């Protein structure tokens, strides 16, 4: 199976990938109000676990200076992730990604928001390793959209390879976490998030 070509999502070159999508159908007269709810949930990163339940990873939103943020995200912010299972030694048990782009597309037929993230160091930490089980070449592009009477929440992973530029124990940990991602365990986590964002009726 080849990766989908989604506007704004990087081209797949090396490593693993996934296309994780959830959709939900609504009455056409209420689709705009439902999309407004989805948008609010999508950009409320600190509440993602609340929407997704105990099986989900825990996500926290930080600004560029490393302070916890409670607002809509913007380019240059960070997301701290506590995945189920062993965390990084480098970053005290967490994985970090930087928000490298947020885009909005609005046409006659559809509207969407895309938030692209890349593995990173902890905010404002100039020394040390990238605190993530994938290399910085990997991206996770999170998307919400409405088209007709259908809402979609999706995550598109591209160029996912284990991060071996890390401390010894993190190299071992990153290998096994990344291996699990390649075999579908990571996709399961993203599916929990996509389903959870749409579960608001």
N, C-alpha and C. Protein backbone atom coordinates (compact mmCIF):
# COMPACT_ATOMS: atom_id res chain seq x y z
N UNK A 1 0.84 -1.19 0.00
CA UNK A 1 0.00 0.00 0.00
C UNK A 1 0.88 1.25 0.00
N UNK A 2 0.57 2.19 -0.88
CA UNK A 2 1.34 3.41 -0.96
C UNK A 2 0.70 4.49 -0.09
N UNK A 3 1.53 5.43 0.43
CA UNK A 3 0.97 6.53 1.23
C UNK A 3 0.10 7.44 0.37
N UNK A 4 -0.94 7.97 0.95
CA UNK A 4 -1.79 8.91 0.24
C UNK A 4 -1.03 10.21 -0.01
N UNK A 5 -1.36 10.86 -1.09
CA UNK A 5 -0.81 12.18 -1.38
C UNK A 5 -1.81 13.22 -0.92
N UNK A 6 -1.49 13.85 0.21
CA UNK A 6 -2.37 14.82 0.84
C UNK A 6 -1.72 16.20 0.71
N UNK A 7 -2.44 17.21 0.24
CA UNK A 7 -1.84 18.55 0.13
C UNK A 7 -1.25 19.02 1.47
N UNK A 8 0.01 19.43 1.45
CA UNK A 8 0.67 19.92 2.65
C UNK A 8 1.43 18.86 3.42
N UNK A 9 1.19 17.57 3.14
CA UNK A 9 1.87 16.48 3.83
C UNK A 9 3.14 16.11 3.05
N UNK A 10 4.29 15.98 3.74
CA UNK A 10 5.54 15.68 3.04
C UNK A 10 5.48 14.37 2.24
N UNK A 11 6.32 14.31 1.22
CA UNK A 11 6.44 13.10 0.41
C UNK A 11 7.15 12.02 1.23
N UNK A 12 6.68 10.79 1.13
CA UNK A 12 7.33 9.66 1.78
C UNK A 12 8.60 9.29 1.02
N UNK A 13 9.75 9.24 1.72
CA UNK A 13 11.02 8.90 1.09
C UNK A 13 11.64 7.64 1.69
N UNK A 14 11.81 7.62 3.01
CA UNK A 14 12.46 6.49 3.67
C UNK A 14 11.74 6.16 4.97
N UNK A 15 11.80 4.88 5.35
CA UNK A 15 11.26 4.47 6.63
C UNK A 15 9.79 4.11 6.56
N UNK A 16 9.16 4.11 7.72
CA UNK A 16 7.75 3.75 7.82
C UNK A 16 6.84 4.93 7.55
N UNK A 17 5.56 4.64 7.36
CA UNK A 17 4.55 5.68 7.18
C UNK A 17 3.21 5.12 7.60
N UNK A 18 2.26 6.00 7.81
CA UNK A 18 0.88 5.56 8.05
C UNK A 18 -0.08 6.66 7.63
N UNK A 19 -1.27 6.26 7.24
CA UNK A 19 -2.40 7.14 6.97
C UNK A 19 -3.52 6.71 7.92
N UNK A 20 -3.76 7.50 8.93
CA UNK A 20 -4.74 7.14 9.96
C UNK A 20 -5.89 8.13 9.89
N UNK A 21 -7.08 7.67 9.53
CA UNK A 21 -8.21 8.56 9.31
C UNK A 21 -9.47 8.05 10.01
N UNK A 22 -10.25 9.01 10.50
CA UNK A 22 -11.58 8.72 11.03
C UNK A 22 -12.56 9.72 10.41
N UNK A 23 -13.75 9.26 10.10
CA UNK A 23 -14.76 10.15 9.53
C UNK A 23 -16.08 9.97 10.27
N UNK A 24 -16.91 11.01 10.18
CA UNK A 24 -18.22 10.96 10.81
C UNK A 24 -19.19 11.79 9.96
N UNK A 25 -20.38 11.27 9.79
CA UNK A 25 -21.39 11.93 8.96
C UNK A 25 -22.39 12.68 9.82
N UNK A 26 -22.76 13.89 9.36
CA UNK A 26 -23.73 14.72 10.08
C UNK A 26 -24.78 15.23 9.10
N UNK A 27 -25.83 15.82 9.61
CA UNK A 27 -26.81 16.48 8.76
C UNK A 27 -26.15 17.71 8.14
N UNK A 28 -26.43 17.95 6.88
CA UNK A 28 -25.76 19.02 6.14
C UNK A 28 -26.01 20.39 6.79
N UNK A 29 -27.19 20.57 7.41
CA UNK A 29 -27.50 21.87 8.02
C UNK A 29 -26.70 22.14 9.29
N UNK A 30 -26.14 21.09 9.90
CA UNK A 30 -25.38 21.28 11.14
C UNK A 30 -23.88 21.09 10.96
N UNK A 31 -23.44 20.86 9.71
CA UNK A 31 -22.03 20.53 9.51
C UNK A 31 -21.10 21.66 9.92
N UNK A 32 -21.51 22.91 9.69
CA UNK A 32 -20.63 24.04 10.05
C UNK A 32 -20.47 24.17 11.55
N UNK A 33 -21.56 23.99 12.29
CA UNK A 33 -21.46 24.09 13.75
C UNK A 33 -20.67 22.91 14.31
N UNK A 34 -20.80 21.74 13.72
CA UNK A 34 -20.03 20.58 14.18
C UNK A 34 -18.54 20.76 13.87
N UNK A 35 -18.25 21.36 12.73
CA UNK A 35 -16.85 21.60 12.38
C UNK A 35 -16.23 22.61 13.34
N UNK A 36 -17.02 23.59 13.79
CA UNK A 36 -16.52 24.56 14.77
C UNK A 36 -16.15 23.86 16.08
N UNK A 37 -16.97 22.89 16.48
CA UNK A 37 -16.65 22.11 17.69
C UNK A 37 -15.37 21.30 17.47
N UNK A 38 -15.25 20.65 16.32
CA UNK A 38 -14.06 19.86 16.02
C UNK A 38 -12.81 20.74 16.01
N UNK A 39 -12.90 21.92 15.43
CA UNK A 39 -11.77 22.84 15.40
C UNK A 39 -11.33 23.21 16.82
N UNK A 40 -12.28 23.51 17.68
CA UNK A 40 -11.96 23.86 19.07
C UNK A 40 -11.25 22.70 19.77
N UNK A 41 -11.72 21.50 19.56
CA UNK A 41 -11.10 20.32 20.17
C UNK A 41 -9.71 20.06 19.59
N UNK A 42 -9.58 20.20 18.28
CA UNK A 42 -8.32 19.95 17.58
C UNK A 42 -7.21 20.87 18.11
N UNK A 43 -7.53 22.12 18.36
CA UNK A 43 -6.53 23.08 18.80
C UNK A 43 -6.41 23.17 20.32
N UNK A 44 -7.16 22.36 21.05
CA UNK A 44 -7.06 22.30 22.51
C UNK A 44 -6.18 21.10 22.89
N UNK A 45 -4.89 21.21 22.61
CA UNK A 45 -3.97 20.08 22.74
C UNK A 45 -3.95 19.52 24.15
N UNK A 46 -4.00 20.39 25.14
CA UNK A 46 -3.93 19.93 26.53
C UNK A 46 -5.11 19.05 26.94
N UNK A 47 -6.16 19.05 26.14
CA UNK A 47 -7.36 18.28 26.48
C UNK A 47 -7.51 17.02 25.63
N UNK A 48 -6.53 16.74 24.78
CA UNK A 48 -6.68 15.58 23.89
C UNK A 48 -6.89 14.29 24.65
N UNK A 49 -6.15 14.08 25.72
CA UNK A 49 -6.31 12.84 26.48
C UNK A 49 -7.72 12.75 27.08
N UNK A 50 -8.24 13.90 27.50
CA UNK A 50 -9.61 13.94 28.03
C UNK A 50 -10.61 13.47 26.98
N UNK A 51 -10.40 13.83 25.73
CA UNK A 51 -11.29 13.42 24.65
C UNK A 51 -11.12 11.95 24.28
N UNK A 52 -9.92 11.42 24.52
CA UNK A 52 -9.57 10.11 23.96
C UNK A 52 -9.57 8.97 24.98
N UNK A 53 -9.56 9.28 26.26
CA UNK A 53 -9.62 8.23 27.27
C UNK A 53 -8.26 7.75 27.74
N UNK A 54 -8.28 6.82 28.69
CA UNK A 54 -7.06 6.39 29.37
C UNK A 54 -6.08 5.65 28.47
N UNK A 55 -6.56 5.07 27.37
CA UNK A 55 -5.66 4.33 26.48
C UNK A 55 -4.78 5.25 25.64
N UNK A 56 -5.10 6.53 25.66
CA UNK A 56 -4.38 7.49 24.81
C UNK A 56 -3.08 7.95 25.46
N UNK A 57 -2.15 8.36 24.62
CA UNK A 57 -0.99 9.12 25.10
C UNK A 57 -1.49 10.43 25.71
N UNK A 58 -0.63 11.05 26.53
CA UNK A 58 -0.98 12.34 27.14
C UNK A 58 -0.19 13.44 26.42
N UNK A 59 -0.90 14.46 25.94
CA UNK A 59 -0.29 15.54 25.17
C UNK A 59 -0.38 16.84 25.96
N UNK A 60 0.73 17.61 25.99
CA UNK A 60 0.73 18.92 26.62
C UNK A 60 1.36 19.94 25.67
N UNK A 61 0.80 21.12 25.65
CA UNK A 61 1.17 22.18 24.72
C UNK A 61 2.09 23.19 25.43
N UNK A 62 3.24 23.46 24.81
CA UNK A 62 4.21 24.41 25.36
C UNK A 62 4.55 25.45 24.30
N UNK A 63 4.86 26.68 24.78
CA UNK A 63 5.28 27.71 23.84
C UNK A 63 6.76 27.57 23.54
N UNK A 64 7.29 28.48 22.71
CA UNK A 64 8.68 28.37 22.25
C UNK A 64 9.69 28.51 23.38
N UNK A 65 9.29 29.15 24.48
CA UNK A 65 10.20 29.32 25.61
C UNK A 65 10.12 28.17 26.61
N UNK A 66 9.27 27.20 26.34
CA UNK A 66 9.16 26.04 27.21
C UNK A 66 8.14 26.18 28.33
N UNK A 67 7.27 27.19 28.23
CA UNK A 67 6.22 27.38 29.22
C UNK A 67 4.93 26.71 28.76
N UNK A 68 4.22 26.09 29.71
CA UNK A 68 2.95 25.46 29.39
C UNK A 68 2.00 26.50 28.80
N UNK A 69 1.37 26.18 27.68
CA UNK A 69 0.50 27.13 26.98
C UNK A 69 -0.95 26.65 27.02
N UNK A 70 -1.86 27.61 27.13
CA UNK A 70 -3.30 27.31 27.12
C UNK A 70 -3.97 28.26 26.13
N UNK A 71 -3.73 28.03 24.87
CA UNK A 71 -4.24 28.85 23.77
C UNK A 71 -4.17 28.02 22.49
N UNK A 72 -4.67 28.58 21.41
CA UNK A 72 -4.51 27.91 20.12
C UNK A 72 -3.02 27.83 19.79
N UNK A 73 -2.56 26.72 19.26
CA UNK A 73 -1.13 26.58 18.94
C UNK A 73 -0.73 27.43 17.73
N UNK A 74 0.58 27.65 17.62
CA UNK A 74 1.12 28.36 16.47
C UNK A 74 2.48 27.76 16.12
N UNK A 75 2.95 28.08 14.93
CA UNK A 75 4.25 27.60 14.47
C UNK A 75 5.33 27.98 15.47
N UNK A 76 6.21 27.02 15.80
CA UNK A 76 7.27 27.25 16.77
C UNK A 76 6.93 26.80 18.18
N UNK A 77 5.67 26.43 18.42
CA UNK A 77 5.29 25.83 19.71
C UNK A 77 5.74 24.37 19.74
N UNK A 78 5.57 23.76 20.92
CA UNK A 78 5.98 22.36 21.10
C UNK A 78 4.85 21.56 21.73
N UNK A 79 4.89 20.25 21.48
CA UNK A 79 3.97 19.32 22.14
C UNK A 79 4.80 18.28 22.87
N UNK A 80 4.53 18.13 24.15
CA UNK A 80 5.19 17.10 24.96
C UNK A 80 4.27 15.89 25.03
N UNK A 81 4.82 14.72 24.72
CA UNK A 81 4.01 13.51 24.62
C UNK A 81 4.48 12.47 25.64
N UNK A 82 3.56 11.97 26.42
CA UNK A 82 3.84 10.85 27.32
C UNK A 82 3.12 9.63 26.74
N UNK A 83 3.87 8.79 26.03
CA UNK A 83 3.24 7.63 25.40
C UNK A 83 3.13 6.50 26.42
N UNK A 84 2.16 5.61 26.26
CA UNK A 84 2.11 4.42 27.11
C UNK A 84 3.39 3.61 26.93
N UNK A 85 4.03 3.22 28.02
CA UNK A 85 5.28 2.47 27.92
C UNK A 85 6.46 3.32 28.38
N UNK A 86 7.68 2.82 28.18
CA UNK A 86 8.87 3.51 28.68
C UNK A 86 9.13 4.82 27.96
N UNK A 87 9.49 5.86 28.74
CA UNK A 87 9.78 7.16 28.18
C UNK A 87 11.28 7.35 27.97
N UNK A 88 11.66 8.50 27.43
CA UNK A 88 13.06 8.78 27.17
C UNK A 88 13.80 9.08 28.47
N UNK A 89 15.06 8.67 28.52
CA UNK A 89 15.95 9.09 29.61
C UNK A 89 16.33 10.55 29.41
N UNK A 90 16.58 10.92 28.15
CA UNK A 90 17.04 12.27 27.80
C UNK A 90 16.09 13.35 28.29
N UNK A 91 14.78 13.11 28.16
CA UNK A 91 13.79 14.16 28.46
C UNK A 91 12.85 13.74 29.58
N UNK A 92 13.42 13.03 30.57
CA UNK A 92 12.68 12.69 31.79
C UNK A 92 11.36 11.96 31.49
N UNK A 93 11.41 11.06 30.52
CA UNK A 93 10.24 10.22 30.27
C UNK A 93 9.34 10.68 29.15
N UNK A 94 9.66 11.80 28.51
CA UNK A 94 8.76 12.35 27.50
C UNK A 94 9.39 12.34 26.11
N UNK A 95 8.52 12.38 25.10
CA UNK A 95 8.93 12.67 23.73
C UNK A 95 8.44 14.07 23.38
N UNK A 96 9.21 14.76 22.54
CA UNK A 96 8.87 16.14 22.17
C UNK A 96 8.80 16.28 20.66
N UNK A 97 7.82 17.08 20.20
CA UNK A 97 7.76 17.48 18.80
C UNK A 97 7.56 18.99 18.73
N UNK A 98 8.07 19.57 17.66
CA UNK A 98 7.86 21.00 17.40
C UNK A 98 6.80 21.16 16.31
N UNK A 99 5.92 22.11 16.48
CA UNK A 99 4.94 22.44 15.45
C UNK A 99 5.64 23.29 14.40
N UNK A 100 5.84 22.73 13.21
CA UNK A 100 6.62 23.42 12.19
C UNK A 100 5.74 24.11 11.15
N UNK A 101 4.44 23.82 11.16
CA UNK A 101 3.55 24.51 10.23
C UNK A 101 2.10 24.29 10.63
N UNK A 102 1.29 25.33 10.47
CA UNK A 102 -0.17 25.21 10.60
C UNK A 102 -0.77 25.91 9.38
N UNK A 103 -1.58 25.19 8.64
CA UNK A 103 -2.15 25.76 7.42
C UNK A 103 -3.66 25.56 7.39
N UNK A 104 -4.33 26.44 6.65
CA UNK A 104 -5.78 26.42 6.53
C UNK A 104 -6.14 26.46 5.04
N UNK A 105 -6.97 25.54 4.61
CA UNK A 105 -7.43 25.50 3.22
C UNK A 105 -8.96 25.62 3.22
N UNK A 106 -9.46 26.52 2.38
CA UNK A 106 -10.91 26.74 2.30
C UNK A 106 -11.30 26.90 0.84
N UNK A 107 -12.05 25.94 0.31
CA UNK A 107 -12.51 25.99 -1.08
C UNK A 107 -14.03 25.92 -1.10
N UNK A 108 -14.59 25.92 -2.30
CA UNK A 108 -16.05 25.82 -2.43
C UNK A 108 -16.57 24.49 -1.91
N UNK A 109 -15.73 23.45 -1.95
CA UNK A 109 -16.18 22.11 -1.60
C UNK A 109 -15.75 21.63 -0.22
N UNK A 110 -14.66 22.19 0.31
CA UNK A 110 -14.14 21.66 1.57
C UNK A 110 -13.38 22.74 2.34
N UNK A 111 -13.14 22.44 3.61
CA UNK A 111 -12.32 23.30 4.48
C UNK A 111 -11.49 22.39 5.38
N UNK A 112 -10.24 22.76 5.61
CA UNK A 112 -9.39 21.91 6.44
C UNK A 112 -8.34 22.73 7.17
N UNK A 113 -7.86 22.16 8.28
CA UNK A 113 -6.71 22.68 9.02
C UNK A 113 -5.69 21.55 9.13
N UNK A 114 -4.42 21.88 8.89
CA UNK A 114 -3.35 20.90 8.96
C UNK A 114 -2.27 21.42 9.91
N UNK A 115 -1.90 20.61 10.89
CA UNK A 115 -0.84 20.97 11.83
C UNK A 115 0.27 19.92 11.71
N UNK A 116 1.45 20.37 11.26
CA UNK A 116 2.56 19.45 11.02
C UNK A 116 3.58 19.57 12.15
N UNK A 117 4.02 18.39 12.66
CA UNK A 117 4.97 18.33 13.77
C UNK A 117 6.19 17.50 13.38
N UNK A 118 7.32 17.81 14.04
CA UNK A 118 8.57 17.11 13.77
C UNK A 118 9.28 16.82 15.10
N UNK A 119 9.90 15.64 15.26
CA UNK A 119 10.65 15.34 16.49
C UNK A 119 11.68 16.43 16.79
N UNK A 120 11.83 16.75 18.07
CA UNK A 120 12.68 17.86 18.46
C UNK A 120 13.35 17.61 19.81
N UNK A 121 14.26 18.51 20.16
CA UNK A 121 14.79 18.56 21.52
C UNK A 121 13.73 19.21 22.41
N UNK A 122 13.99 19.18 23.70
CA UNK A 122 13.13 19.94 24.59
C UNK A 122 13.24 21.42 24.25
N UNK A 123 12.18 22.21 24.46
CA UNK A 123 12.25 23.64 24.17
C UNK A 123 13.42 24.31 24.91
N UNK A 124 14.14 25.14 24.21
CA UNK A 124 15.24 25.93 24.79
C UNK A 124 16.39 25.08 25.31
N UNK A 125 16.48 23.86 24.88
CA UNK A 125 17.60 23.00 25.29
C UNK A 125 18.56 22.88 24.12
N UNK A 126 19.62 23.66 24.15
CA UNK A 126 20.56 23.71 23.03
C UNK A 126 21.44 22.47 22.97
N UNK A 127 21.75 21.91 24.14
CA UNK A 127 22.58 20.71 24.18
C UNK A 127 21.69 19.48 24.34
N UNK A 128 22.28 18.32 24.12
CA UNK A 128 21.52 17.09 24.28
C UNK A 128 20.98 16.58 22.96
N UNK A 129 20.21 15.52 23.05
CA UNK A 129 19.71 14.82 21.88
C UNK A 129 18.27 15.20 21.57
N UNK A 130 17.85 14.88 20.36
CA UNK A 130 16.43 14.98 20.02
C UNK A 130 15.67 13.99 20.91
N UNK A 131 14.66 14.49 21.58
CA UNK A 131 13.93 13.69 22.57
C UNK A 131 12.70 13.05 21.91
N UNK A 132 12.96 12.05 21.09
CA UNK A 132 11.88 11.36 20.39
C UNK A 132 12.42 10.05 19.84
N UNK A 133 11.52 9.09 19.65
CA UNK A 133 11.96 7.78 19.16
C UNK A 133 12.16 7.76 17.65
N UNK A 134 11.68 8.79 16.93
CA UNK A 134 11.96 8.92 15.50
C UNK A 134 12.99 10.02 15.26
N UNK A 135 13.66 9.96 14.12
CA UNK A 135 14.61 11.00 13.73
C UNK A 135 13.85 12.27 13.35
N UNK A 136 14.55 13.41 13.31
CA UNK A 136 13.89 14.67 12.92
C UNK A 136 13.42 14.70 11.46
N UNK A 137 13.78 13.68 10.66
CA UNK A 137 13.26 13.61 9.29
C UNK A 137 11.79 13.19 9.25
N UNK A 138 11.31 12.60 10.35
CA UNK A 138 9.93 12.15 10.41
C UNK A 138 8.99 13.33 10.63
N UNK A 139 7.77 13.20 10.14
CA UNK A 139 6.74 14.20 10.41
C UNK A 139 5.43 13.49 10.77
N UNK A 140 4.65 14.17 11.60
CA UNK A 140 3.27 13.79 11.86
C UNK A 140 2.40 14.98 11.48
N UNK A 141 1.55 14.79 10.50
CA UNK A 141 0.68 15.86 10.01
C UNK A 141 -0.75 15.55 10.44
N UNK A 142 -1.28 16.38 11.33
CA UNK A 142 -2.61 16.17 11.88
C UNK A 142 -3.59 17.07 11.16
N UNK A 143 -4.70 16.49 10.72
CA UNK A 143 -5.63 17.21 9.87
C UNK A 143 -7.06 17.05 10.35
N UNK A 144 -7.83 18.13 10.25
CA UNK A 144 -9.28 18.05 10.38
C UNK A 144 -9.88 18.69 9.13
N UNK A 145 -11.02 18.17 8.68
CA UNK A 145 -11.63 18.72 7.48
C UNK A 145 -13.13 18.50 7.49
N UNK A 146 -13.81 19.32 6.69
CA UNK A 146 -15.23 19.08 6.39
C UNK A 146 -15.41 19.14 4.89
N UNK A 147 -16.18 18.20 4.38
CA UNK A 147 -16.51 18.16 2.95
C UNK A 147 -17.90 17.57 2.82
N UNK A 148 -18.81 18.35 2.25
CA UNK A 148 -20.21 17.92 2.22
C UNK A 148 -20.74 17.81 3.63
N UNK A 149 -21.24 16.64 3.98
CA UNK A 149 -21.74 16.43 5.35
C UNK A 149 -20.83 15.50 6.15
N UNK A 150 -19.54 15.42 5.74
CA UNK A 150 -18.57 14.53 6.39
C UNK A 150 -17.49 15.34 7.09
N UNK A 151 -17.24 15.01 8.35
CA UNK A 151 -16.08 15.53 9.08
C UNK A 151 -15.01 14.44 9.13
N UNK A 152 -13.76 14.87 9.03
CA UNK A 152 -12.63 13.94 9.10
C UNK A 152 -11.61 14.45 10.11
N UNK A 153 -11.04 13.51 10.87
CA UNK A 153 -9.85 13.77 11.68
C UNK A 153 -8.82 12.73 11.28
N UNK A 154 -7.59 13.17 11.04
CA UNK A 154 -6.60 12.25 10.49
C UNK A 154 -5.20 12.62 10.96
N UNK A 155 -4.31 11.63 10.94
CA UNK A 155 -2.88 11.84 11.19
C UNK A 155 -2.12 11.08 10.11
N UNK A 156 -1.18 11.77 9.47
CA UNK A 156 -0.37 11.18 8.41
C UNK A 156 1.09 11.18 8.84
N UNK A 157 1.65 10.00 9.07
CA UNK A 157 3.05 9.87 9.46
C UNK A 157 3.91 9.59 8.24
N UNK A 158 5.03 10.28 8.16
CA UNK A 158 5.92 10.11 7.02
C UNK A 158 7.38 9.99 7.47
N UNK A 159 8.14 9.16 6.75
CA UNK A 159 9.60 9.04 6.91
C UNK A 159 10.01 8.70 8.35
N UNK A 160 9.35 7.68 8.90
CA UNK A 160 9.54 7.31 10.30
C UNK A 160 10.66 6.27 10.45
N UNK A 161 11.76 6.69 11.05
CA UNK A 161 12.90 5.80 11.29
C UNK A 161 13.39 5.99 12.72
N UNK A 162 13.92 4.92 13.35
CA UNK A 162 14.37 5.01 14.75
C UNK A 162 15.47 6.05 14.92
N UNK A 163 15.40 6.77 16.02
CA UNK A 163 16.39 7.78 16.35
C UNK A 163 17.52 7.14 17.16
N UNK A 164 18.67 6.93 16.52
CA UNK A 164 19.83 6.35 17.19
C UNK A 164 20.84 7.41 17.64
N UNK A 165 20.56 8.66 17.36
CA UNK A 165 21.41 9.76 17.86
C UNK A 165 20.91 10.13 19.25
N UNK A 166 21.19 9.23 20.20
CA UNK A 166 20.63 9.36 21.54
C UNK A 166 21.55 8.62 22.51
N UNK A 167 21.25 8.76 23.80
CA UNK A 167 22.01 8.02 24.80
C UNK A 167 21.78 6.52 24.60
N UNK A 168 22.64 5.70 25.21
CA UNK A 168 22.59 4.26 24.97
C UNK A 168 21.21 3.68 25.27
N UNK A 169 20.69 3.98 26.46
CA UNK A 169 19.40 3.39 26.84
C UNK A 169 18.27 3.92 25.96
N UNK A 170 18.37 5.20 25.56
CA UNK A 170 17.35 5.74 24.67
C UNK A 170 17.44 5.13 23.28
N UNK A 171 18.64 4.77 22.82
CA UNK A 171 18.76 4.10 21.53
C UNK A 171 17.99 2.78 21.53
N UNK A 172 18.16 2.02 22.62
CA UNK A 172 17.45 0.75 22.73
C UNK A 172 15.94 0.99 22.79
N UNK A 173 15.55 1.91 23.63
CA UNK A 173 14.13 2.25 23.77
C UNK A 173 13.55 2.74 22.44
N UNK A 174 14.28 3.63 21.76
CA UNK A 174 13.78 4.18 20.50
C UNK A 174 13.62 3.11 19.44
N UNK A 175 14.54 2.15 19.42
CA UNK A 175 14.45 1.07 18.45
C UNK A 175 13.15 0.28 18.62
N UNK A 176 12.86 -0.09 19.86
CA UNK A 176 11.69 -0.93 20.08
C UNK A 176 10.38 -0.15 19.93
N UNK A 177 10.37 1.13 20.35
CA UNK A 177 9.16 1.94 20.16
C UNK A 177 8.92 2.17 18.68
N UNK A 178 9.99 2.51 17.94
CA UNK A 178 9.86 2.73 16.50
C UNK A 178 9.45 1.46 15.78
N UNK A 179 10.01 0.33 16.20
CA UNK A 179 9.64 -0.95 15.61
C UNK A 179 8.16 -1.22 15.81
N UNK A 180 7.67 -0.93 17.01
CA UNK A 180 6.25 -1.07 17.27
C UNK A 180 5.42 -0.16 16.38
N UNK A 181 5.92 1.08 16.16
CA UNK A 181 5.21 2.00 15.27
C UNK A 181 5.14 1.47 13.86
N UNK A 182 6.25 0.90 13.39
CA UNK A 182 6.29 0.38 12.03
C UNK A 182 5.31 -0.79 11.87
N UNK A 183 5.12 -1.56 12.95
CA UNK A 183 4.21 -2.71 12.88
C UNK A 183 2.77 -2.35 13.27
N UNK A 184 2.50 -1.06 13.43
CA UNK A 184 1.12 -0.64 13.58
C UNK A 184 0.70 -0.18 14.97
N UNK A 185 1.56 -0.33 15.98
CA UNK A 185 1.16 0.07 17.32
C UNK A 185 1.03 1.59 17.43
N UNK A 186 1.91 2.32 16.72
CA UNK A 186 1.80 3.77 16.71
C UNK A 186 0.52 4.23 16.03
N UNK A 187 0.17 3.56 14.95
CA UNK A 187 -1.07 3.89 14.25
C UNK A 187 -2.28 3.71 15.16
N UNK A 188 -2.23 2.71 16.03
CA UNK A 188 -3.33 2.51 16.97
C UNK A 188 -3.51 3.72 17.88
N UNK A 189 -2.39 4.30 18.34
CA UNK A 189 -2.47 5.49 19.19
C UNK A 189 -3.08 6.67 18.43
N UNK A 190 -2.65 6.85 17.19
CA UNK A 190 -3.19 7.96 16.40
C UNK A 190 -4.67 7.72 16.07
N UNK A 191 -5.05 6.46 15.90
CA UNK A 191 -6.46 6.15 15.64
C UNK A 191 -7.32 6.49 16.85
N UNK A 192 -6.80 6.24 18.05
CA UNK A 192 -7.50 6.63 19.27
C UNK A 192 -7.73 8.13 19.29
N UNK A 193 -6.71 8.91 18.89
CA UNK A 193 -6.84 10.36 18.88
C UNK A 193 -7.84 10.81 17.82
N UNK A 194 -7.73 10.28 16.61
CA UNK A 194 -8.65 10.69 15.54
C UNK A 194 -10.11 10.37 15.90
N UNK A 195 -10.32 9.17 16.44
CA UNK A 195 -11.69 8.80 16.85
C UNK A 195 -12.16 9.69 17.99
N UNK A 196 -11.27 9.96 18.94
CA UNK A 196 -11.65 10.75 20.10
C UNK A 196 -12.03 12.18 19.76
N UNK A 197 -11.32 12.78 18.82
CA UNK A 197 -11.64 14.15 18.43
C UNK A 197 -13.03 14.26 17.83
N UNK A 198 -13.48 13.20 17.17
CA UNK A 198 -14.80 13.21 16.52
C UNK A 198 -15.92 12.72 17.43
N UNK A 199 -15.59 12.27 18.62
CA UNK A 199 -16.58 11.70 19.53
C UNK A 199 -17.11 12.78 20.46
N UNK A 200 -17.99 13.64 19.92
CA UNK A 200 -18.49 14.75 20.76
C UNK A 200 -20.00 14.88 20.73
N UNK A 201 -20.70 13.86 20.29
CA UNK A 201 -22.17 13.93 20.32
C UNK A 201 -22.71 13.40 21.63
